[in-house]
Full PDB file with SEQRES, HELIX, SHEET, SSBOND, CRYST1, ORIGX, SCALE, CONECT and MASTER records, all heavy atoms in Angstrom:
SEQRES   1 A   41  LYS ALA VAL ASP GLU SER THR LEU GLU MET LEU ARG ALA          
SEQRES   2 A   41  ARG TYR GLY LEU ASP LYS PRO VAL TRP GLN GLN PHE LEU          
SEQRES   3 A   41  ASN TYR MET ILE ASN VAL PHE ARG GLY ASP LEU GLY VAL          
SEQRES   4 A   41  SER THR                                                      
HELIX    1 AA1 GLU A    5  ARG A   14  1                                  10    
HELIX    2 AA2 VAL A   21  PHE A   33  1                                  13    
CRYST1    1.000    1.000    1.000  90.00  90.00  90.00 P 1           1          
ORIGX1      1.000000  0.000000  0.000000        0.00000                         
ORIGX2      0.000000  1.000000  0.000000        0.00000                         
ORIGX3      0.000000  0.000000  1.000000        0.00000                         
SCALE1      1.000000  0.000000  0.000000        0.00000                         
SCALE2      0.000000  1.000000  0.000000        0.00000                         
SCALE3      0.000000  0.000000  1.000000        0.00000                         
ATOM      1  N   LYS A   1      46.547 -83.488-248.021  1.00  0.00           N  
ATOM      2  CA  LYS A   1      47.639 -82.697-248.661  1.00  0.00           C  
ATOM      3  C   LYS A   1      47.215 -81.274-248.817  1.00  0.00           C  
ATOM      4  O   LYS A   1      46.041 -80.964-249.109  1.00  0.00           O  
ATOM      5  CB  LYS A   1      47.836 -83.370-250.088  1.00  0.00           C  
ATOM      6  CG  LYS A   1      48.365 -84.836-250.023  1.00  0.00           C  
ATOM      7  CD  LYS A   1      48.644 -85.341-251.374  1.00  0.00           C  
ATOM      8  CE  LYS A   1      49.084 -86.736-251.373  1.00  0.00           C  
ATOM      9  NZ  LYS A   1      49.240 -87.280-252.748  1.00  0.00           N  
ATOM     10  N   ALA A   2      48.248 -80.419-248.798  1.00  0.00           N  
ATOM     11  CA  ALA A   2      47.919 -79.020-248.916  1.00  0.00           C  
ATOM     12  C   ALA A   2      47.559 -78.672-250.425  1.00  0.00           C  
ATOM     13  O   ALA A   2      48.297 -79.126-251.288  1.00  0.00           O  
ATOM     14  CB  ALA A   2      49.250 -78.217-248.503  1.00  0.00           C  
ATOM     15  N   VAL A   3      46.560 -77.852-250.524  1.00  0.00           N  
ATOM     16  CA  VAL A   3      46.100 -77.385-251.878  1.00  0.00           C  
ATOM     17  C   VAL A   3      46.092 -75.898-251.840  1.00  0.00           C  
ATOM     18  O   VAL A   3      45.525 -75.245-251.007  1.00  0.00           O  
ATOM     19  CB  VAL A   3      44.638 -78.000-252.163  1.00  0.00           C  
ATOM     20  CG1 VAL A   3      44.281 -77.592-253.565  1.00  0.00           C  
ATOM     21  CG2 VAL A   3      44.695 -79.459-252.099  1.00  0.00           C  
ATOM     22  N   ASP A   4      46.811 -75.303-252.903  1.00  0.00           N  
ATOM     23  CA  ASP A   4      46.895 -73.803-252.908  1.00  0.00           C  
ATOM     24  C   ASP A   4      45.461 -73.293-253.349  1.00  0.00           C  
ATOM     25  O   ASP A   4      44.599 -73.957-253.915  1.00  0.00           O  
ATOM     26  CB  ASP A   4      47.933 -73.350-253.851  1.00  0.00           C  
ATOM     27  CG  ASP A   4      47.744 -73.981-255.236  1.00  0.00           C  
ATOM     28  OD1 ASP A   4      46.901 -73.287-256.028  1.00  0.00           O  
ATOM     29  OD2 ASP A   4      48.285 -75.023-255.608  1.00  0.00           O  
ATOM     30  N   GLU A   5      45.292 -71.961-253.145  1.00  0.00           N  
ATOM     31  CA  GLU A   5      44.003 -71.348-253.377  1.00  0.00           C  
ATOM     32  C   GLU A   5      43.643 -71.429-254.835  1.00  0.00           C  
ATOM     33  O   GLU A   5      42.396 -71.620-255.186  1.00  0.00           O  
ATOM     34  CB  GLU A   5      44.069 -69.884-252.842  1.00  0.00           C  
ATOM     35  CG  GLU A   5      42.687 -69.309-252.847  1.00  0.00           C  
ATOM     36  CD  GLU A   5      41.738 -69.934-251.874  1.00  0.00           C  
ATOM     37  OE1 GLU A   5      42.179 -70.455-250.828  1.00  0.00           O  
ATOM     38  OE2 GLU A   5      40.514 -69.880-252.163  1.00  0.00           O  
ATOM     39  N   SER A   6      44.538 -71.207-255.713  1.00  0.00           N  
ATOM     40  CA  SER A   6      44.192 -71.112-257.164  1.00  0.00           C  
ATOM     41  C   SER A   6      43.708 -72.578-257.662  1.00  0.00           C  
ATOM     42  O   SER A   6      42.749 -72.615-258.461  1.00  0.00           O  
ATOM     43  CB  SER A   6      45.422 -70.807-257.946  1.00  0.00           C  
ATOM     44  OG  SER A   6      46.556 -71.635-257.803  1.00  0.00           O  
ATOM     45  N   THR A   7      44.330 -73.648-257.101  1.00  0.00           N  
ATOM     46  CA  THR A   7      43.830 -74.906-257.432  1.00  0.00           C  
ATOM     47  C   THR A   7      42.470 -75.192-256.858  1.00  0.00           C  
ATOM     48  O   THR A   7      41.631 -75.821-257.469  1.00  0.00           O  
ATOM     49  CB  THR A   7      44.767 -75.948-256.897  1.00  0.00           C  
ATOM     50  OG1 THR A   7      46.143 -75.728-257.331  1.00  0.00           O  
ATOM     51  CG2 THR A   7      44.421 -77.426-257.259  1.00  0.00           C  
ATOM     52  N   LEU A   8      42.169 -74.644-255.607  1.00  0.00           N  
ATOM     53  CA  LEU A   8      40.879 -74.845-255.062  1.00  0.00           C  
ATOM     54  C   LEU A   8      39.761 -74.155-255.884  1.00  0.00           C  
ATOM     55  O   LEU A   8      38.697 -74.684-256.058  1.00  0.00           O  
ATOM     56  CB  LEU A   8      40.859 -74.217-253.572  1.00  0.00           C  
ATOM     57  CG  LEU A   8      41.522 -75.097-252.498  1.00  0.00           C  
ATOM     58  CD1 LEU A   8      41.500 -74.358-251.204  1.00  0.00           C  
ATOM     59  CD2 LEU A   8      40.750 -76.453-252.369  1.00  0.00           C  
ATOM     60  N   GLU A   9      40.162 -72.873-256.299  1.00  0.00           N  
ATOM     61  CA  GLU A   9      39.169 -72.212-257.150  1.00  0.00           C  
ATOM     62  C   GLU A   9      38.912 -72.930-258.388  1.00  0.00           C  
ATOM     63  O   GLU A   9      37.812 -72.998-259.010  1.00  0.00           O  
ATOM     64  CB  GLU A   9      39.710 -70.835-257.458  1.00  0.00           C  
ATOM     65  CG  GLU A   9      39.759 -69.900-256.188  1.00  0.00           C  
ATOM     66  CD  GLU A   9      40.327 -68.488-256.502  1.00  0.00           C  
ATOM     67  OE1 GLU A   9      40.670 -68.231-257.708  1.00  0.00           O  
ATOM     68  OE2 GLU A   9      40.454 -67.676-255.527  1.00  0.00           O  
ATOM     69  N   MET A  10      39.938 -73.525-259.056  1.00  0.00           N  
ATOM     70  CA  MET A  10      39.777 -74.245-260.320  1.00  0.00           C  
ATOM     71  C   MET A  10      38.837 -75.484-260.122  1.00  0.00           C  
ATOM     72  O   MET A  10      37.957 -75.760-260.872  1.00  0.00           O  
ATOM     73  CB  MET A  10      41.168 -74.694-260.848  1.00  0.00           C  
ATOM     74  CG  MET A  10      41.031 -75.450-262.164  1.00  0.00           C  
ATOM     75  SD  MET A  10      42.717 -76.052-262.664  1.00  0.00           S  
ATOM     76  CE  MET A  10      42.956 -77.238-261.425  1.00  0.00           C  
ATOM     77  N   LEU A  11      39.132 -76.220-259.026  1.00  0.00           N  
ATOM     78  CA  LEU A  11      38.244 -77.404-258.662  1.00  0.00           C  
ATOM     79  C   LEU A  11      36.872 -77.007-258.339  1.00  0.00           C  
ATOM     80  O   LEU A  11      35.881 -77.659-258.869  1.00  0.00           O  
ATOM     81  CB  LEU A  11      38.924 -78.095-257.532  1.00  0.00           C  
ATOM     82  CG  LEU A  11      40.167 -78.806-257.755  1.00  0.00           C  
ATOM     83  CD1 LEU A  11      40.837 -79.460-256.464  1.00  0.00           C  
ATOM     84  CD2 LEU A  11      40.079 -79.925-258.777  1.00  0.00           C  
ATOM     85  N   ARG A  12      36.610 -75.971-257.678  1.00  0.00           N  
ATOM     86  CA  ARG A  12      35.237 -75.576-257.292  1.00  0.00           C  
ATOM     87  C   ARG A  12      34.518 -75.075-258.603  1.00  0.00           C  
ATOM     88  O   ARG A  12      33.354 -75.446-258.762  1.00  0.00           O  
ATOM     89  CB  ARG A  12      35.305 -74.327-256.340  1.00  0.00           C  
ATOM     90  CG  ARG A  12      35.745 -74.790-254.949  1.00  0.00           C  
ATOM     91  CD  ARG A  12      35.694 -73.649-254.018  1.00  0.00           C  
ATOM     92  NE  ARG A  12      36.102 -73.967-252.687  1.00  0.00           N  
ATOM     93  CZ  ARG A  12      37.191 -73.382-252.032  1.00  0.00           C  
ATOM     94  NH1 ARG A  12      37.881 -72.377-252.535  1.00  0.00           N  
ATOM     95  NH2 ARG A  12      37.535 -73.735-250.745  1.00  0.00           N  
ATOM     96  N   ALA A  13      35.225 -74.407-259.485  1.00  0.00           N  
ATOM     97  CA  ALA A  13      34.642 -74.006-260.785  1.00  0.00           C  
ATOM     98  C   ALA A  13      34.342 -75.213-261.678  1.00  0.00           C  
ATOM     99  O   ALA A  13      33.271 -75.294-262.266  1.00  0.00           O  
ATOM    100  CB  ALA A  13      35.503 -73.085-261.554  1.00  0.00           C  
ATOM    101  N   ARG A  14      35.191 -76.190-261.590  1.00  0.00           N  
ATOM    102  CA  ARG A  14      34.926 -77.419-262.366  1.00  0.00           C  
ATOM    103  C   ARG A  14      33.762 -78.163-261.985  1.00  0.00           C  
ATOM    104  O   ARG A  14      32.983 -78.685-262.818  1.00  0.00           O  
ATOM    105  CB  ARG A  14      36.192 -78.302-262.223  1.00  0.00           C  
ATOM    106  CG  ARG A  14      36.067 -79.662-263.094  1.00  0.00           C  
ATOM    107  CD  ARG A  14      37.324 -80.433-262.854  1.00  0.00           C  
ATOM    108  NE  ARG A  14      37.214 -81.821-263.524  1.00  0.00           N  
ATOM    109  CZ  ARG A  14      38.115 -82.720-263.470  1.00  0.00           C  
ATOM    110  NH1 ARG A  14      39.232 -82.550-262.745  1.00  0.00           N  
ATOM    111  NH2 ARG A  14      37.884 -83.851-264.114  1.00  0.00           N  
ATOM    112  N   TYR A  15      33.513 -78.185-260.642  1.00  0.00           N  
ATOM    113  CA  TYR A  15      32.348 -78.942-260.188  1.00  0.00           C  
ATOM    114  C   TYR A  15      31.106 -77.994-259.887  1.00  0.00           C  
ATOM    115  O   TYR A  15      30.118 -78.450-259.293  1.00  0.00           O  
ATOM    116  CB  TYR A  15      32.655 -79.696-258.909  1.00  0.00           C  
ATOM    117  CG  TYR A  15      33.589 -80.895-259.167  1.00  0.00           C  
ATOM    118  CD1 TYR A  15      34.930 -80.713-259.075  1.00  0.00           C  
ATOM    119  CD2 TYR A  15      33.055 -82.098-259.494  1.00  0.00           C  
ATOM    120  CE1 TYR A  15      35.742 -81.930-259.285  1.00  0.00           C  
ATOM    121  CE2 TYR A  15      33.745 -83.247-259.801  1.00  0.00           C  
ATOM    122  CZ  TYR A  15      35.174 -83.122-259.660  1.00  0.00           C  
ATOM    123  OH  TYR A  15      36.063 -84.171-260.005  1.00  0.00           O  
ATOM    124  N   GLY A  16      31.173 -76.738-260.267  1.00  0.00           N  
ATOM    125  CA  GLY A  16      30.108 -75.872-260.107  1.00  0.00           C  
ATOM    126  C   GLY A  16      29.873 -75.329-258.715  1.00  0.00           C  
ATOM    127  O   GLY A  16      28.828 -74.761-258.412  1.00  0.00           O  
ATOM    128  N   LEU A  17      30.829 -75.488-257.780  1.00  0.00           N  
ATOM    129  CA  LEU A  17      30.661 -75.092-256.417  1.00  0.00           C  
ATOM    130  C   LEU A  17      31.017 -73.553-256.201  1.00  0.00           C  
ATOM    131  O   LEU A  17      30.954 -73.121-255.094  1.00  0.00           O  
ATOM    132  CB  LEU A  17      31.521 -75.929-255.481  1.00  0.00           C  
ATOM    133  CG  LEU A  17      31.217 -77.481-255.502  1.00  0.00           C  
ATOM    134  CD1 LEU A  17      32.139 -78.250-254.618  1.00  0.00           C  
ATOM    135  CD2 LEU A  17      29.766 -77.644-255.089  1.00  0.00           C  
ATOM    136  N   ASP A  18      31.463 -72.943-257.261  1.00  0.00           N  
ATOM    137  CA  ASP A  18      31.763 -71.483-257.177  1.00  0.00           C  
ATOM    138  C   ASP A  18      30.569 -70.601-257.321  1.00  0.00           C  
ATOM    139  O   ASP A  18      30.683 -69.326-257.128  1.00  0.00           O  
ATOM    140  CB  ASP A  18      32.954 -71.154-258.158  1.00  0.00           C  
ATOM    141  CG  ASP A  18      32.436 -71.414-259.536  1.00  0.00           C  
ATOM    142  OD1 ASP A  18      31.600 -72.430-259.861  1.00  0.00           O  
ATOM    143  OD2 ASP A  18      32.949 -70.761-260.531  1.00  0.00           O  
ATOM    144  N   LYS A  19      29.508 -71.222-257.808  1.00  0.00           N  
ATOM    145  CA  LYS A  19      28.293 -70.457-258.133  1.00  0.00           C  
ATOM    146  C   LYS A  19      27.458 -70.231-256.866  1.00  0.00           C  
ATOM    147  O   LYS A  19      27.683 -70.972-255.724  1.00  0.00           O  
ATOM    148  CB  LYS A  19      27.451 -71.192-259.126  1.00  0.00           C  
ATOM    149  CG  LYS A  19      28.104 -71.321-260.475  1.00  0.00           C  
ATOM    150  CD  LYS A  19      27.226 -72.069-261.390  1.00  0.00           C  
ATOM    151  CE  LYS A  19      27.760 -72.096-262.811  1.00  0.00           C  
ATOM    152  NZ  LYS A  19      29.015 -72.786-262.884  1.00  0.00           N  
ATOM    153  N   PRO A  20      26.608 -69.200-256.749  1.00  0.00           N  
ATOM    154  CA  PRO A  20      25.639 -69.116-255.563  1.00  0.00           C  
ATOM    155  C   PRO A  20      24.942 -70.388-255.395  1.00  0.00           C  
ATOM    156  O   PRO A  20      24.578 -71.146-256.222  1.00  0.00           O  
ATOM    157  CB  PRO A  20      24.806 -67.928-256.031  1.00  0.00           C  
ATOM    158  CG  PRO A  20      25.533 -67.192-257.142  1.00  0.00           C  
ATOM    159  CD  PRO A  20      26.307 -68.276-257.742  1.00  0.00           C  
ATOM    160  N   VAL A  21      24.485 -70.520-254.064  1.00  0.00           N  
ATOM    161  CA  VAL A  21      23.796 -71.716-253.699  1.00  0.00           C  
ATOM    162  C   VAL A  21      22.578 -71.943-254.473  1.00  0.00           C  
ATOM    163  O   VAL A  21      22.157 -73.141-254.948  1.00  0.00           O  
ATOM    164  CB  VAL A  21      23.464 -71.776-252.166  1.00  0.00           C  
ATOM    165  CG1 VAL A  21      22.695 -73.010-251.778  1.00  0.00           C  
ATOM    166  CG2 VAL A  21      24.698 -71.765-251.427  1.00  0.00           C  
ATOM    167  N   TRP A  22      21.740 -70.899-254.691  1.00  0.00           N  
ATOM    168  CA  TRP A  22      20.494 -70.998-255.417  1.00  0.00           C  
ATOM    169  C   TRP A  22      20.708 -71.532-256.855  1.00  0.00           C  
ATOM    170  O   TRP A  22      19.882 -72.306-257.386  1.00  0.00           O  
ATOM    171  CB  TRP A  22      19.706 -69.771-255.414  1.00  0.00           C  
ATOM    172  CG  TRP A  22      20.353 -68.613-256.258  1.00  0.00           C  
ATOM    173  CD1 TRP A  22      21.199 -67.651-255.767  1.00  0.00           C  
ATOM    174  CD2 TRP A  22      20.157 -68.412-257.645  1.00  0.00           C  
ATOM    175  NE1 TRP A  22      21.628 -66.812-256.835  1.00  0.00           N  
ATOM    176  CE2 TRP A  22      20.954 -67.297-258.012  1.00  0.00           C  
ATOM    177  CE3 TRP A  22      19.424 -68.959-258.654  1.00  0.00           C  
ATOM    178  CZ2 TRP A  22      21.068 -66.768-259.272  1.00  0.00           C  
ATOM    179  CZ3 TRP A  22      19.450 -68.527-259.962  1.00  0.00           C  
ATOM    180  CH2 TRP A  22      20.239 -67.363-260.228  1.00  0.00           C  
ATOM    181  N   GLN A  23      21.763 -71.046-257.384  1.00  0.00           N  
ATOM    182  CA  GLN A  23      22.105 -71.469-258.810  1.00  0.00           C  
ATOM    183  C   GLN A  23      22.580 -72.937-258.805  1.00  0.00           C  
ATOM    184  O   GLN A  23      22.208 -73.692-259.772  1.00  0.00           O  
ATOM    185  CB  GLN A  23      23.098 -70.579-259.452  1.00  0.00           C  
ATOM    186  CG  GLN A  23      23.284 -70.744-260.933  1.00  0.00           C  
ATOM    187  CD  GLN A  23      24.212 -69.688-261.623  1.00  0.00           C  
ATOM    188  OE1 GLN A  23      24.530 -68.694-260.928  1.00  0.00           O  
ATOM    189  NE2 GLN A  23      24.567 -69.963-262.925  1.00  0.00           N  
ATOM    190  N   GLN A  24      23.367 -73.348-257.858  1.00  0.00           N  
ATOM    191  CA  GLN A  24      23.745 -74.703-257.664  1.00  0.00           C  
ATOM    192  C   GLN A  24      22.481 -75.579-257.566  1.00  0.00           C  
ATOM    193  O   GLN A  24      22.481 -76.727-258.148  1.00  0.00           O  
ATOM    194  CB  GLN A  24      24.662 -74.880-256.540  1.00  0.00           C  
ATOM    195  CG  GLN A  24      26.041 -74.226-256.597  1.00  0.00           C  
ATOM    196  CD  GLN A  24      26.923 -74.562-255.454  1.00  0.00           C  
ATOM    197  OE1 GLN A  24      26.985 -75.653-254.957  1.00  0.00           O  
ATOM    198  NE2 GLN A  24      27.593 -73.507-254.881  1.00  0.00           N  
ATOM    199  N   PHE A  25      21.603 -75.198-256.713  1.00  0.00           N  
ATOM    200  CA  PHE A  25      20.408 -75.933-256.485  1.00  0.00           C  
ATOM    201  C   PHE A  25      19.574 -76.076-257.822  1.00  0.00           C  
ATOM    202  O   PHE A  25      19.094 -77.234-258.125  1.00  0.00           O  
ATOM    203  CB  PHE A  25      19.511 -75.241-255.490  1.00  0.00           C  
ATOM    204  CG  PHE A  25      18.178 -75.934-255.183  1.00  0.00           C  
ATOM    205  CD1 PHE A  25      18.075 -77.141-254.636  1.00  0.00           C  
ATOM    206  CD2 PHE A  25      17.031 -75.262-255.545  1.00  0.00           C  
ATOM    207  CE1 PHE A  25      16.852 -77.782-254.516  1.00  0.00           C  
ATOM    208  CE2 PHE A  25      15.720 -75.851-255.437  1.00  0.00           C  
ATOM    209  CZ  PHE A  25      15.725 -77.097-254.791  1.00  0.00           C  
ATOM    210  N   LEU A  26      19.446 -75.003-258.553  1.00  0.00           N  
ATOM    211  CA  LEU A  26      18.652 -75.072-259.740  1.00  0.00           C  
ATOM    212  C   LEU A  26      19.326 -76.059-260.751  1.00  0.00           C  
ATOM    213  O   LEU A  26      18.710 -76.899-261.377  1.00  0.00           O  
ATOM    214  CB  LEU A  26      18.561 -73.717-260.425  1.00  0.00           C  
ATOM    215  CG  LEU A  26      17.745 -73.563-261.617  1.00  0.00           C  
ATOM    216  CD1 LEU A  26      16.306 -73.844-261.345  1.00  0.00           C  
ATOM    217  CD2 LEU A  26      17.800 -72.079-262.181  1.00  0.00           C  
ATOM    218  N   ASN A  27      20.661 -75.957-260.922  1.00  0.00           N  
ATOM    219  CA  ASN A  27      21.405 -76.869-261.823  1.00  0.00           C  
ATOM    220  C   ASN A  27      21.255 -78.316-261.281  1.00  0.00           C  
ATOM    221  O   ASN A  27      21.015 -79.258-262.117  1.00  0.00           O  
ATOM    222  CB  ASN A  27      22.852 -76.467-261.873  1.00  0.00           C  
ATOM    223  CG  ASN A  27      22.995 -75.082-262.590  1.00  0.00           C  
ATOM    224  OD1 ASN A  27      22.110 -74.690-263.325  1.00  0.00           O  
ATOM    225  ND2 ASN A  27      24.086 -74.539-262.302  1.00  0.00           N  
ATOM    226  N   TYR A  28      21.319 -78.454-260.081  1.00  0.00           N  
ATOM    227  CA  TYR A  28      21.245 -79.790-259.442  1.00  0.00           C  
ATOM    228  C   TYR A  28      19.851 -80.495-259.759  1.00  0.00           C  
ATOM    229  O   TYR A  28      19.695 -81.649-260.106  1.00  0.00           O  
ATOM    230  CB  TYR A  28      21.450 -79.742-257.968  1.00  0.00           C  
ATOM    231  CG  TYR A  28      21.174 -81.033-257.254  1.00  0.00           C  
ATOM    232  CD1 TYR A  28      22.045 -82.135-257.344  1.00  0.00           C  
ATOM    233  CD2 TYR A  28      20.029 -81.231-256.367  1.00  0.00           C  
ATOM    234  CE1 TYR A  28      21.771 -83.364-256.646  1.00  0.00           C  
ATOM    235  CE2 TYR A  28      19.752 -82.420-255.696  1.00  0.00           C  
ATOM    236  CZ  TYR A  28      20.592 -83.540-255.904  1.00  0.00           C  
ATOM    237  OH  TYR A  28      20.272 -84.640-255.193  1.00  0.00           O  
ATOM    238  N   MET A  29      18.752 -79.705-259.507  1.00  0.00           N  
ATOM    239  CA  MET A  29      17.439 -80.279-259.759  1.00  0.00           C  
ATOM    240  C   MET A  29      17.168 -80.579-261.195  1.00  0.00           C  
ATOM    241  O   MET A  29      16.603 -81.573-261.584  1.00  0.00           O  
ATOM    242  CB  MET A  29      16.372 -79.272-259.201  1.00  0.00           C  
ATOM    243  CG  MET A  29      16.427 -79.093-257.694  1.00  0.00           C  
ATOM    244  SD  MET A  29      16.112 -80.683-256.806  1.00  0.00           S  
ATOM    245  CE  MET A  29      14.400 -81.022-257.220  1.00  0.00           C  
ATOM    246  N   ILE A  30      17.740 -79.651-262.163  1.00  0.00           N  
ATOM    247  CA  ILE A  30      17.589 -79.967-263.553  1.00  0.00           C  
ATOM    248  C   ILE A  30      18.312 -81.226-263.951  1.00  0.00           C  
ATOM    249  O   ILE A  30      17.838 -82.103-264.631  1.00  0.00           O  
ATOM    250  CB  ILE A  30      18.156 -78.695-264.390  1.00  0.00           C  
ATOM    251  CG1 ILE A  30      17.262 -77.533-264.124  1.00  0.00           C  
ATOM    252  CG2 ILE A  30      18.279 -79.116-265.811  1.00  0.00           C  
ATOM    253  CD1 ILE A  30      17.718 -76.202-264.808  1.00  0.00           C  
ATOM    254  N   ASN A  31      19.500 -81.380-263.406  1.00  0.00           N  
ATOM    255  CA  ASN A  31      20.307 -82.600-263.632  1.00  0.00           C  
ATOM    256  C   ASN A  31      19.608 -83.773-263.158  1.00  0.00           C  
ATOM    257  O   ASN A  31      19.636 -84.888-263.782  1.00  0.00           O  
ATOM    258  CB  ASN A  31      21.674 -82.446-263.146  1.00  0.00           C  
ATOM    259  CG  ASN A  31      22.587 -81.477-263.839  1.00  0.00           C  
ATOM    260  OD1 ASN A  31      22.330 -81.196-265.082  1.00  0.00           O  
ATOM    261  ND2 ASN A  31      23.431 -80.862-263.199  1.00  0.00           N  
ATOM    262  N   VAL A  32      19.014 -83.744-261.989  1.00  0.00           N  
ATOM    263  CA  VAL A  32      18.282 -84.916-261.346  1.00  0.00           C  
ATOM    264  C   VAL A  32      17.181 -85.316-262.224  1.00  0.00           C  
ATOM    265  O   VAL A  32      17.100 -86.462-262.479  1.00  0.00           O  
ATOM    266  CB  VAL A  32      17.821 -84.568-259.951  1.00  0.00           C  
ATOM    267  CG1 VAL A  32      16.796 -85.612-259.519  1.00  0.00           C  
ATOM    268  CG2 VAL A  32      18.946 -84.448-258.966  1.00  0.00           C  
ATOM    269  N   PHE A  33      16.377 -84.361-262.831  1.00  0.00           N  
ATOM    270  CA  PHE A  33      15.271 -84.722-263.711  1.00  0.00           C  
ATOM    271  C   PHE A  33      15.751 -85.273-265.046  1.00  0.00           C  
ATOM    272  O   PHE A  33      15.013 -86.079-265.611  1.00  0.00           O  
ATOM    273  CB  PHE A  33      14.426 -83.490-263.973  1.00  0.00           C  
ATOM    274  CG  PHE A  33      13.484 -83.128-262.794  1.00  0.00           C  
ATOM    275  CD1 PHE A  33      13.698 -82.006-261.988  1.00  0.00           C  
ATOM    276  CD2 PHE A  33      12.389 -84.052-262.505  1.00  0.00           C  
ATOM    277  CE1 PHE A  33      12.767 -81.759-260.922  1.00  0.00           C  
ATOM    278  CE2 PHE A  33      11.520 -83.813-261.405  1.00  0.00           C  
ATOM    279  CZ  PHE A  33      11.700 -82.666-260.716  1.00  0.00           C  
ATOM    280  N   ARG A  34      17.068 -84.973-265.379  1.00  0.00           N  
ATOM    281  CA  ARG A  34      17.617 -85.515-266.585  1.00  0.00           C  
ATOM    282  C   ARG A  34      18.322 -86.811-266.312  1.00  0.00           C  
ATOM    283  O   ARG A  34      18.824 -87.522-267.212  1.00  0.00           O  
ATOM    284  CB  ARG A  34      18.720 -84.539-267.144  1.00  0.00           C  
ATOM    285  CG  ARG A  34      18.101 -83.245-267.679  1.00  0.00           C  
ATOM    286  CD  ARG A  34      19.164 -82.225-267.944  1.00  0.00           C  
ATOM    287  NE  ARG A  34      20.292 -82.824-268.734  1.00  0.00           N  
ATOM    288  CZ  ARG A  34      21.487 -82.238-268.855  1.00  0.00           C  
ATOM    289  NH1 ARG A  34      21.736 -81.112-268.265  1.00  0.00           N  
ATOM    290  NH2 ARG A  34      22.450 -82.822-269.653  1.00  0.00           N  
ATOM    291  N   GLY A  35      18.269 -87.308-265.013  1.00  0.00           N  
ATOM    292  CA  GLY A  35      18.873 -88.568-264.705  1.00  0.00           C  
ATOM    293  C   GLY A  35      20.467 -88.530-264.551  1.00  0.00           C  
ATOM    294  O   GLY A  35      21.129 -89.480-264.587  1.00  0.00           O  
ATOM    295  N   ASP A  36      21.012 -87.311-264.255  1.00  0.00           N  
ATOM    296  CA  ASP A  36      22.379 -87.033-264.067  1.00  0.00           C  
ATOM    297  C   ASP A  36      22.646 -86.686-262.542  1.00  0.00           C  
ATOM    298  O   ASP A  36      22.190 -85.575-262.184  1.00  0.00           O  
ATOM    299  CB  ASP A  36      22.916 -85.947-265.052  1.00  0.00           C  
ATOM    300  CG  ASP A  36      24.398 -85.692-264.812  1.00  0.00           C  
ATOM    301  OD1 ASP A  36      24.980 -86.484-264.184  1.00  0.00           O  
ATOM    302  OD2 ASP A  36      24.860 -84.763-265.471  1.00  0.00           O  
ATOM    303  N   LEU A  37      23.269 -87.541-261.925  1.00  0.00           N  
ATOM    304  CA  LEU A  37      23.565 -87.239-260.512  1.00  0.00           C  
ATOM    305  C   LEU A  37      25.013 -86.639-260.233  1.00  0.00           C  
ATOM    306  O   LEU A  37      25.373 -86.561-259.092  1.00  0.00           O  
ATOM    307  CB  LEU A  37      23.436 -88.528-259.679  1.00  0.00           C  
ATOM    308  CG  LEU A  37      22.059 -89.118-259.595  1.00  0.00           C  
ATOM    309  CD1 LEU A  37      22.044 -90.341-258.763  1.00  0.00           C  
ATOM    310  CD2 LEU A  37      21.048 -88.245-259.091  1.00  0.00           C  
ATOM    311  N   GLY A  38      25.662 -86.266-261.315  1.00  0.00           N  
ATOM    312  CA  GLY A  38      26.963 -85.667-261.170  1.00  0.00           C  
ATOM    313  C   GLY A  38      28.052 -86.551-261.134  1.00  0.00           C  
ATOM    314  O   GLY A  38      28.040 -87.835-261.259  1.00  0.00           O  
ATOM    315  N   VAL A  39      29.296 -86.026-260.887  1.00  0.00           N  
ATOM    316  CA  VAL A  39      30.512 -86.753-260.747  1.00  0.00           C  
ATOM    317  C   VAL A  39      31.150 -86.639-259.414  1.00  0.00           C  
ATOM    318  O   VAL A  39      31.194 -85.562-258.818  1.00  0.00           O  
ATOM    319  CB  VAL A  39      31.564 -86.206-261.829  1.00  0.00           C  
ATOM    320  CG1 VAL A  39      32.896 -86.928-261.717  1.00  0.00           C  
ATOM    321  CG2 VAL A  39      30.983 -86.271-263.234  1.00  0.00           C  
ATOM    322  N   SER A  40      31.534 -87.765-258.824  1.00  0.00           N  
ATOM    323  CA  SER A  40      32.122 -87.829-257.557  1.00  0.00           C  
ATOM    324  C   SER A  40      33.349 -87.067-257.556  1.00  0.00           C  
ATOM    325  O   SER A  40      34.322 -87.275-258.269  1.00  0.00           O  
ATOM    326  CB  SER A  40      32.300 -89.283-257.101  1.00  0.00           C  
ATOM    327  OG  SER A  40      33.093 -89.367-255.997  1.00  0.00           O  
ATOM    328  N   THR A  41      33.535 -86.254-256.486  1.00  0.00           N  
ATOM    329  CA  THR A  41      34.767 -85.421-256.397  1.00  0.00           C  
ATOM    330  C   THR A  41      35.899 -86.273-255.787  1.00  0.00           C  
ATOM    331  O   THR A  41      37.076 -85.895-255.977  1.00  0.00           O  
ATOM    332  CB  THR A  41      34.554 -84.215-255.495  1.00  0.00           C  
ATOM    333  OG1 THR A  41      34.071 -84.662-254.215  1.00  0.00           O  
ATOM    334  CG2 THR A  41      33.500 -83.243-256.050  1.00  0.00           C  
TER     335      THR A  41                                                      
MASTER        0    0    0    2    0    0    0    6  334    1    0    4          
END                                                                             
């Protein structure tokens, strides 16, 4: 299904994919050590 750009930006921000890769990696590793593997998109 077609998704407009504003919706894509909102979804990326919701799942933290709008941040730089290094920041995503840091958040991911912190969450892993906390036992949180995130939410399935």
